[in-house]
């Protein structure tokens, strides 16, 4: 699969499909994200911005989850 660009999850445009490449955060947060299904090559789509743009809602594995921008900035994605 060829990807055009690599960015952090918080900068991925709304409704653009991205694939998780790497998670670079503290071990506690990383464990929680892995438990939610954010593993390498998982498809993730930003679907909704909150009024203040933080947190942001993402669809992953058929579920909508909210991730703070602080945490999303440590998740690298291809799109």
PDB file of N, CA and C in Angstrom:
ATOM      1  N   UNK A   1       0.839  -1.171   0.000  1.00  0.00           N
ATOM      2  CA  UNK A   1       0.000   0.000   0.000  1.00  0.00           C
ATOM      3  C   UNK A   1       0.890   1.241   0.000  1.00  0.00           C
ATOM      4  N   UNK A   2       0.649   2.142  -0.932  1.00  0.00           N
ATOM      5  CA  UNK A   2       1.442   3.369  -1.008  1.00  0.00           C
ATOM      6  C   UNK A   2       0.714   4.506  -0.323  1.00  0.00           C
ATOM      7  N   UNK A   3       1.455   5.282   0.429  1.00  0.00           N
ATOM      8  CA  UNK A   3       0.903   6.427   1.125  1.00  0.00           C
ATOM      9  C   UNK A   3       1.543   7.690   0.572  1.00  0.00           C
ATOM     10  N   UNK A   4       0.787   8.754   0.557  1.00  0.00           N
ATOM     11  CA  UNK A   4       1.296   9.990   0.011  1.00  0.00           C
ATOM     12  C   UNK A   4       1.994  10.847   1.048  1.00  0.00           C
ATOM     13  N   UNK A   5       1.433  10.912   2.247  1.00  0.00           N
ATOM     14  CA  UNK A   5       1.982  11.811   3.255  1.00  0.00           C
ATOM     15  C   UNK A   5       1.986  11.161   4.634  1.00  0.00           C
ATOM     16  N   UNK A   6       2.870  11.669   5.488  1.00  0.00           N
ATOM     17  CA  UNK A   6       2.949  11.220   6.875  1.00  0.00           C
ATOM     18  C   UNK A   6       2.762  12.453   7.753  1.00  0.00           C
ATOM     19  N   UNK A   7       1.920  12.347   8.762  1.00  0.00           N
ATOM     20  CA  UNK A   7       1.646  13.469   9.652  1.00  0.00           C
ATOM     21  C   UNK A   7       1.240  12.930  11.016  1.00  0.00           C
ATOM     22  N   UNK A   8       0.961  13.834  11.950  1.00  0.00           N
ATOM     23  CA  UNK A   8       0.435  13.410  13.246  1.00  0.00           C
ATOM     24  C   UNK A   8      -1.088  13.354  13.160  1.00  0.00           C
ATOM     25  N   UNK A   9      -1.675  12.567  14.020  1.00  0.00           N
ATOM     26  CA  UNK A   9      -3.123  12.343  13.974  1.00  0.00           C
ATOM     27  C   UNK A   9      -3.921  13.623  14.157  1.00  0.00           C
ATOM     28  N   UNK A  10      -3.455  14.535  15.008  1.00  0.00           N
ATOM     29  CA  UNK A  10      -4.207  15.767  15.256  1.00  0.00           C
ATOM     30  C   UNK A  10      -4.232  16.680  14.026  1.00  0.00           C
ATOM     31  N   UNK A  11      -3.342  16.477  13.070  1.00  0.00           N
ATOM     32  CA  UNK A  11      -3.307  17.305  11.853  1.00  0.00           C
ATOM     33  C   UNK A  11      -3.978  16.629  10.661  1.00  0.00           C
ATOM     34  N   UNK A  12      -4.456  15.408  10.830  1.00  0.00           N
ATOM     35  CA  UNK A  12      -5.142  14.699   9.750  1.00  0.00           C
ATOM     36  C   UNK A  12      -6.464  15.401   9.461  1.00  0.00           C
ATOM     37  N   UNK A  13      -6.728  15.742   8.184  1.00  0.00           N
ATOM     38  CA  UNK A  13      -7.980  16.449   7.852  1.00  0.00           C
ATOM     39  C   UNK A  13      -9.220  15.609   8.181  1.00  0.00           C
ATOM     40  N   UNK A  14     -10.320  16.290   8.486  1.00  0.00           N
ATOM     41  CA  UNK A  14     -11.580  15.598   8.776  1.00  0.00           C
ATOM     42  C   UNK A  14     -11.978  14.696   7.617  1.00  0.00           C
ATOM     43  N   UNK A  15     -12.495  13.536   7.949  1.00  0.00           N
ATOM     44  CA  UNK A  15     -13.000  12.532   7.007  1.00  0.00           C
ATOM     45  C   UNK A  15     -11.946  11.994   6.051  1.00  0.00           C
ATOM     46  N   UNK A  16     -10.680  12.174   6.369  1.00  0.00           N
ATOM     47  CA  UNK A  16      -9.578  11.623   5.572  1.00  0.00           C
ATOM     48  C   UNK A  16      -9.109  10.340   6.251  1.00  0.00           C
ATOM     49  N   UNK A  17      -9.013   9.264   5.498  1.00  0.00           N
ATOM     50  CA  UNK A  17      -8.599   7.985   6.066  1.00  0.00           C
ATOM     51  C   UNK A  17      -7.090   7.986   6.287  1.00  0.00           C
ATOM     52  N   UNK A  18      -6.688   7.626   7.489  1.00  0.00           N
ATOM     53  CA  UNK A  18      -5.278   7.505   7.827  1.00  0.00           C
ATOM     54  C   UNK A  18      -5.007   6.125   8.405  1.00  0.00           C
ATOM     55  N   UNK A  19      -3.746   5.728   8.372  1.00  0.00           N
ATOM     56  CA  UNK A  19      -3.330   4.436   8.912  1.00  0.00           C
ATOM     57  C   UNK A  19      -2.221   4.685   9.925  1.00  0.00           C
ATOM     58  N   UNK A  20      -2.388   4.138  11.103  1.00  0.00           N
ATOM     59  CA  UNK A  20      -1.456   4.388  12.190  1.00  0.00           C
ATOM     60  C   UNK A  20      -0.090   3.791  11.870  1.00  0.00           C
ATOM     61  N   UNK A  21       0.930   4.602  12.067  1.00  0.00           N
ATOM     62  CA  UNK A  21       2.305   4.199  11.799  1.00  0.00           C
ATOM     63  C   UNK A  21       3.058   3.934  13.103  1.00  0.00           C
ATOM     64  N   UNK A  22       2.926   4.859  14.063  1.00  0.00           N
ATOM     65  CA  UNK A  22       3.692   4.751  15.303  1.00  0.00           C
ATOM     66  C   UNK A  22       3.030   5.585  16.395  1.00  0.00           C
ATOM     67  N   UNK A  23       3.227   5.166  17.642  1.00  0.00           N
ATOM     68  CA  UNK A  23       2.726   5.916  18.795  1.00  0.00           C
ATOM     69  C   UNK A  23       3.923   6.258  19.669  1.00  0.00           C
ATOM     70  N   UNK A  24       4.187   7.562  19.844  1.00  0.00           N
ATOM     71  CA  UNK A  24       5.352   8.028  20.605  1.00  0.00           C
ATOM     72  C   UNK A  24       4.898   8.826  21.820  1.00  0.00           C
ATOM     73  N   UNK A  25       4.429   8.153  22.850  1.00  0.00           N
ATOM     74  CA  UNK A  25       3.995   8.855  24.059  1.00  0.00           C
ATOM     75  C   UNK A  25       4.370   8.037  25.286  1.00  0.00           C
ATOM     76  N   UNK A  26       3.986   8.532  26.451  1.00  0.00           N
ATOM     77  CA  UNK A  26       4.332   7.828  27.692  1.00  0.00           C
ATOM     78  C   UNK A  26       3.702   6.436  27.699  1.00  0.00           C
ATOM     79  N   UNK A  27       4.298   5.556  28.462  1.00  0.00           N
ATOM     80  CA  UNK A  27       3.852   4.160  28.460  1.00  0.00           C
ATOM     81  C   UNK A  27       2.408   3.995  28.936  1.00  0.00           C
ATOM     82  N   UNK A  28       1.967   4.818  29.901  1.00  0.00           N
ATOM     83  CA  UNK A  28       0.586   4.711  30.392  1.00  0.00           C
ATOM     84  C   UNK A  28      -0.419   5.071  29.302  1.00  0.00           C
ATOM     85  N   UNK A  29      -0.178   6.173  28.605  1.00  0.00           N
ATOM     86  CA  UNK A  29      -1.085   6.603  27.539  1.00  0.00           C
ATOM     87  C   UNK A  29      -1.012   5.613  26.379  1.00  0.00           C
ATOM     88  N   UNK A  30       0.184   5.174  26.042  1.00  0.00           N
ATOM     89  CA  UNK A  30       0.347   4.225  24.933  1.00  0.00           C
ATOM     90  C   UNK A  30      -0.435   2.941  25.210  1.00  0.00           C
ATOM     91  N   UNK A  31      -0.380   2.453  26.436  1.00  0.00           N
ATOM     92  CA  UNK A  31      -1.106   1.228  26.800  1.00  0.00           C
ATOM     93  C   UNK A  31      -2.613   1.417  26.620  1.00  0.00           C
ATOM     94  N   UNK A  32      -3.123   2.570  27.035  1.00  0.00           N
ATOM     95  CA  UNK A  32      -4.557   2.846  26.885  1.00  0.00           C
ATOM     96  C   UNK A  32      -4.951   2.901  25.415  1.00  0.00           C
ATOM     97  N   UNK A  33      -4.120   3.555  24.597  1.00  0.00           N
ATOM     98  CA  UNK A  33      -4.413   3.658  23.169  1.00  0.00           C
ATOM     99  C   UNK A  33      -4.362   2.284  22.507  1.00  0.00           C
ATOM    100  N   UNK A  34      -3.394   1.470  22.883  1.00  0.00           N
ATOM    101  CA  UNK A  34      -3.320   0.114  22.340  1.00  0.00           C
ATOM    102  C   UNK A  34      -4.546  -0.700  22.743  1.00  0.00           C
ATOM    103  N   UNK A  35      -5.008  -0.537  23.979  1.00  0.00           N
ATOM    104  CA  UNK A  35      -6.202  -1.242  24.450  1.00  0.00           C
ATOM    105  C   UNK A  35      -7.451  -0.826  23.677  1.00  0.00           C
ATOM    106  N   UNK A  36      -7.462   0.417  23.193  1.00  0.00           N
ATOM    107  CA  UNK A  36      -8.600   0.902  22.401  1.00  0.00           C
ATOM    108  C   UNK A  36      -8.535   0.437  20.945  1.00  0.00           C
ATOM    109  N   UNK A  37      -7.445  -0.205  20.558  1.00  0.00           N
ATOM    110  CA  UNK A  37      -7.323  -0.724  19.204  1.00  0.00           C
ATOM    111  C   UNK A  37      -6.467   0.109  18.279  1.00  0.00           C
ATOM    112  N   UNK A  38      -5.766   1.083  18.809  1.00  0.00           N
ATOM    113  CA  UNK A  38      -4.885   1.910  17.984  1.00  0.00           C
ATOM    114  C   UNK A  38      -3.541   1.205  17.839  1.00  0.00           C
ATOM    115  N   UNK A  39      -3.496   0.253  16.930  1.00  0.00           N
ATOM    116  CA  UNK A  39      -2.270  -0.487  16.676  1.00  0.00           C
ATOM    117  C   UNK A  39      -1.787  -0.190  15.267  1.00  0.00           C
ATOM    118  N   UNK A  40      -0.555  -0.543  14.973  1.00  0.00           N
ATOM    119  CA  UNK A  40       0.056  -0.246  13.687  1.00  0.00           C
ATOM    120  C   UNK A  40      -0.825  -0.745  12.539  1.00  0.00           C
ATOM    121  N   UNK A  41      -0.965   0.086  11.522  1.00  0.00           N
ATOM    122  CA  UNK A  41      -1.732  -0.171  10.292  1.00  0.00           C
ATOM    123  C   UNK A  41      -3.243  -0.190  10.494  1.00  0.00           C
ATOM    124  N   UNK A  42      -3.738   0.219  11.667  1.00  0.00           N
ATOM    125  CA  UNK A  42      -5.185   0.346  11.872  1.00  0.00           C
ATOM    126  C   UNK A  42      -5.690   1.578  11.134  1.00  0.00           C
ATOM    127  N   UNK A  43      -6.855   1.442  10.517  1.00  0.00           N
ATOM    128  CA  UNK A  43      -7.473   2.566   9.821  1.00  0.00           C
ATOM    129  C   UNK A  43      -8.141   3.473  10.847  1.00  0.00           C
ATOM    130  N   UNK A  44      -7.922   4.780  10.720  1.00  0.00           N
ATOM    131  CA  UNK A  44      -8.517   5.755  11.637  1.00  0.00           C
ATOM    132  C   UNK A  44      -8.969   6.969  10.838  1.00  0.00           C
ATOM    133  N   UNK A  45     -10.154   7.487  11.182  1.00  0.00           N
ATOM    134  CA  UNK A  45     -10.743   8.609  10.449  1.00  0.00           C
ATOM    135  C   UNK A  45     -11.206   9.673  11.442  1.00  0.00           C
ATOM    136  N   UNK A  46     -10.710  10.907  11.319  1.00  0.00           N
ATOM    137  CA  UNK A  46     -11.247  11.989  12.154  1.00  0.00           C
ATOM    138  C   UNK A  46     -12.647  12.356  11.653  1.00  0.00           C
ATOM    139  N   UNK A  47     -13.652  12.257  12.517  1.00  0.00           N
ATOM    140  CA  UNK A  47     -15.027  12.471  12.073  1.00  0.00           C
ATOM    141  C   UNK A  47     -15.692  13.718  12.639  1.00  0.00           C
ATOM    142  N   UNK A  48     -15.153  14.276  13.723  1.00  0.00           N
ATOM    143  CA  UNK A  48     -15.823  15.410  14.343  1.00  0.00           C
ATOM    144  C   UNK A  48     -14.846  16.232  15.177  1.00  0.00           C
ATOM    145  N   UNK A  49     -14.937  17.547  15.020  1.00  0.00           N
ATOM    146  CA  UNK A  49     -14.191  18.465  15.886  1.00  0.00           C
ATOM    147  C   UNK A  49     -15.136  18.982  16.951  1.00  0.00           C
ATOM    148  N   UNK A  50     -14.657  19.073  18.181  1.00  0.00           N
ATOM    149  CA  UNK A  50     -15.467  19.687  19.230  1.00  0.00           C
ATOM    150  C   UNK A  50     -15.446  21.200  19.011  1.00  0.00           C
ATOM    151  N   UNK A  51     -16.338  21.941  19.661  1.00  0.00           N
ATOM    152  CA  UNK A  51     -16.388  23.393  19.447  1.00  0.00           C
ATOM    153  C   UNK A  51     -15.048  24.104  19.677  1.00  0.00           C
ATOM    154  N   UNK A  52     -14.257  23.631  20.630  1.00  0.00           N
ATOM    155  CA  UNK A  52     -12.954  24.251  20.891  1.00  0.00           C
ATOM    156  C   UNK A  52     -11.809  23.506  20.213  1.00  0.00           C
ATOM    157  N   UNK A  53     -12.140  22.551  19.344  1.00  0.00           N
ATOM    158  CA  UNK A  53     -11.163  21.748  18.589  1.00  0.00           C
ATOM    159  C   UNK A  53     -10.346  20.792  19.453  1.00  0.00           C
ATOM    160  N   UNK A  54     -10.730  20.618  20.701  1.00  0.00           N
ATOM    161  CA  UNK A  54     -10.026  19.700  21.586  1.00  0.00           C
ATOM    162  C   UNK A  54     -10.993  19.167  22.627  1.00  0.00           C
ATOM    163  N   UNK A  55     -11.280  17.894  22.696  1.00  0.00           N
ATOM    164  CA  UNK A  55     -10.726  16.793  21.918  1.00  0.00           C
ATOM    165  C   UNK A  55     -11.391  16.678  20.546  1.00  0.00           C
ATOM    166  N   UNK A  56     -10.940  15.698  19.815  1.00  0.00           N
ATOM    167  CA  UNK A  56     -11.452  15.427  18.476  1.00  0.00           C
ATOM    168  C   UNK A  56     -11.960  13.988  18.453  1.00  0.00           C
ATOM    169  N   UNK A  57     -13.022  13.724  17.698  1.00  0.00           N
ATOM    170  CA  UNK A  57     -13.590  12.376  17.629  1.00  0.00           C
ATOM    171  C   UNK A  57     -13.028  11.644  16.409  1.00  0.00           C
ATOM    172  N   UNK A  58     -12.681  10.374  16.614  1.00  0.00           N
ATOM    173  CA  UNK A  58     -12.109   9.535  15.557  1.00  0.00           C
ATOM    174  C   UNK A  58     -12.881   8.232  15.478  1.00  0.00           C
ATOM    175  N   UNK A  59     -13.031   7.727  14.264  1.00  0.00           N
ATOM    176  CA  UNK A  59     -13.632   6.409  14.086  1.00  0.00           C
ATOM    177  C   UNK A  59     -12.510   5.405  13.890  1.00  0.00           C
ATOM    178  N   UNK A  60     -12.525   4.363  14.720  1.00  0.00           N
ATOM    179  CA  UNK A  60     -11.549   3.287  14.596  1.00  0.00           C
ATOM    180  C   UNK A  60     -12.237   1.974  14.926  1.00  0.00           C
ATOM    181  N   UNK A  61     -12.117   1.037  14.028  1.00  0.00           N
ATOM    182  CA  UNK A  61     -12.715  -0.296  14.194  1.00  0.00           C
ATOM    183  C   UNK A  61     -14.215  -0.231  14.492  1.00  0.00           C
ATOM    184  N   UNK A  62     -14.917   0.679  13.816  1.00  0.00           N
ATOM    185  CA  UNK A  62     -16.360   0.784  13.958  1.00  0.00           C
ATOM    186  C   UNK A  62     -16.831   1.512  15.199  1.00  0.00           C
ATOM    187  N   UNK A  63     -15.928   2.117  15.947  1.00  0.00           N
ATOM    188  CA  UNK A  63     -16.258   2.824  17.181  1.00  0.00           C
ATOM    189  C   UNK A  63     -15.754   4.255  17.109  1.00  0.00           C
ATOM    190  N   UNK A  64     -16.515   5.169  17.687  1.00  0.00           N
ATOM    191  CA  UNK A  64     -16.102   6.574  17.760  1.00  0.00           C
ATOM    192  C   UNK A  64     -15.477   6.811  19.130  1.00  0.00           C
ATOM    193  N   UNK A  65     -14.239   7.329  19.129  1.00  0.00           N
ATOM    194  CA  UNK A  65     -13.575   7.657  20.393  1.00  0.00           C
ATOM    195  C   UNK A  65     -13.048   9.089  20.326  1.00  0.00           C
ATOM    196  N   UNK A  66     -12.954   9.726  21.471  1.00  0.00           N
ATOM    197  CA  UNK A  66     -12.405  11.082  21.552  1.00  0.00           C
ATOM    198  C   UNK A  66     -10.980  10.984  22.064  1.00  0.00           C
ATOM    199  N   UNK A  67     -10.083  11.698  21.378  1.00  0.00           N
ATOM    200  CA  UNK A  67      -8.681  11.719  21.779  1.00  0.00           C
ATOM    201  C   UNK A  67      -8.250  13.178  21.891  1.00  0.00           C
ATOM    202  N   UNK A  68      -7.620  13.508  23.002  1.00  0.00           N
ATOM    203  CA  UNK A  68      -7.123  14.882  23.188  1.00  0.00           C
ATOM    204  C   UNK A  68      -6.034  15.178  22.166  1.00  0.00           C
ATOM    205  N   UNK A  69      -5.936  16.433  21.760  1.00  0.00           N
ATOM    206  CA  UNK A  69      -4.918  16.839  20.788  1.00  0.00           C
ATOM    207  C   UNK A  69      -3.508  16.559  21.301  1.00  0.00           C
ATOM    208  N   UNK A  70      -3.323  16.701  22.591  1.00  0.00           N
ATOM    209  CA  UNK A  70      -2.021  16.430  23.199  1.00  0.00           C
ATOM    210  C   UNK A  70      -1.582  14.986  22.922  1.00  0.00           C
ATOM    211  N   UNK A  71      -2.521  14.060  23.053  1.00  0.00           N
ATOM    212  CA  UNK A  71      -2.214  12.651  22.803  1.00  0.00           C
ATOM    213  C   UNK A  71      -2.170  12.351  21.300  1.00  0.00           C
ATOM    214  N   UNK A  72      -3.065  12.954  20.542  1.00  0.00           N
ATOM    215  CA  UNK A  72      -3.111  12.721  19.102  1.00  0.00           C
ATOM    216  C   UNK A  72      -1.855  13.230  18.408  1.00  0.00           C
ATOM    217  N   UNK A  73      -1.211  14.226  18.985  1.00  0.00           N
ATOM    218  CA  UNK A  73       0.008  14.765  18.369  1.00  0.00           C
ATOM    219  C   UNK A  73       1.182  13.791  18.472  1.00  0.00           C
ATOM    220  N   UNK A  74       1.061  12.769  19.295  1.00  0.00           N
ATOM    221  CA  UNK A  74       2.138  11.784  19.426  1.00  0.00           C
ATOM    222  C   UNK A  74       1.869  10.512  18.611  1.00  0.00           C
ATOM    223  N   UNK A  75       0.797  10.525  17.822  1.00  0.00           N
ATOM    224  CA  UNK A  75       0.449   9.369  16.981  1.00  0.00           C
ATOM    225  C   UNK A  75       0.748   9.735  15.524  1.00  0.00           C
ATOM    226  N   UNK A  76       1.641   8.995  14.900  1.00  0.00           N
ATOM    227  CA  UNK A  76       1.996   9.235  13.511  1.00  0.00           C
ATOM    228  C   UNK A  76       1.103   8.401  12.603  1.00  0.00           C
ATOM    229  N   UNK A  77       0.605   9.030  11.531  1.00  0.00           N
ATOM    230  CA  UNK A  77      -0.263   8.328  10.575  1.00  0.00           C
ATOM    231  C   UNK A  77       0.192   8.606   9.140  1.00  0.00           C
ATOM    232  N   UNK A  78      -0.109   7.660   8.271  1.00  0.00           N
ATOM    233  CA  UNK A  78       0.045   7.838   6.824  1.00  0.00           C
ATOM    234  C   UNK A  78      -1.322   8.060   6.247  1.00  0.00           C
ATOM    235  N   UNK A  79      -1.393   8.896   5.183  1.00  0.00           N
ATOM    236  CA  UNK A  79      -2.658   9.071   4.463  1.00  0.00           C
ATOM    237  C   UNK A  79      -2.411   9.379   3.011  1.00  0.00           C
TER     238      UNK A  79
END
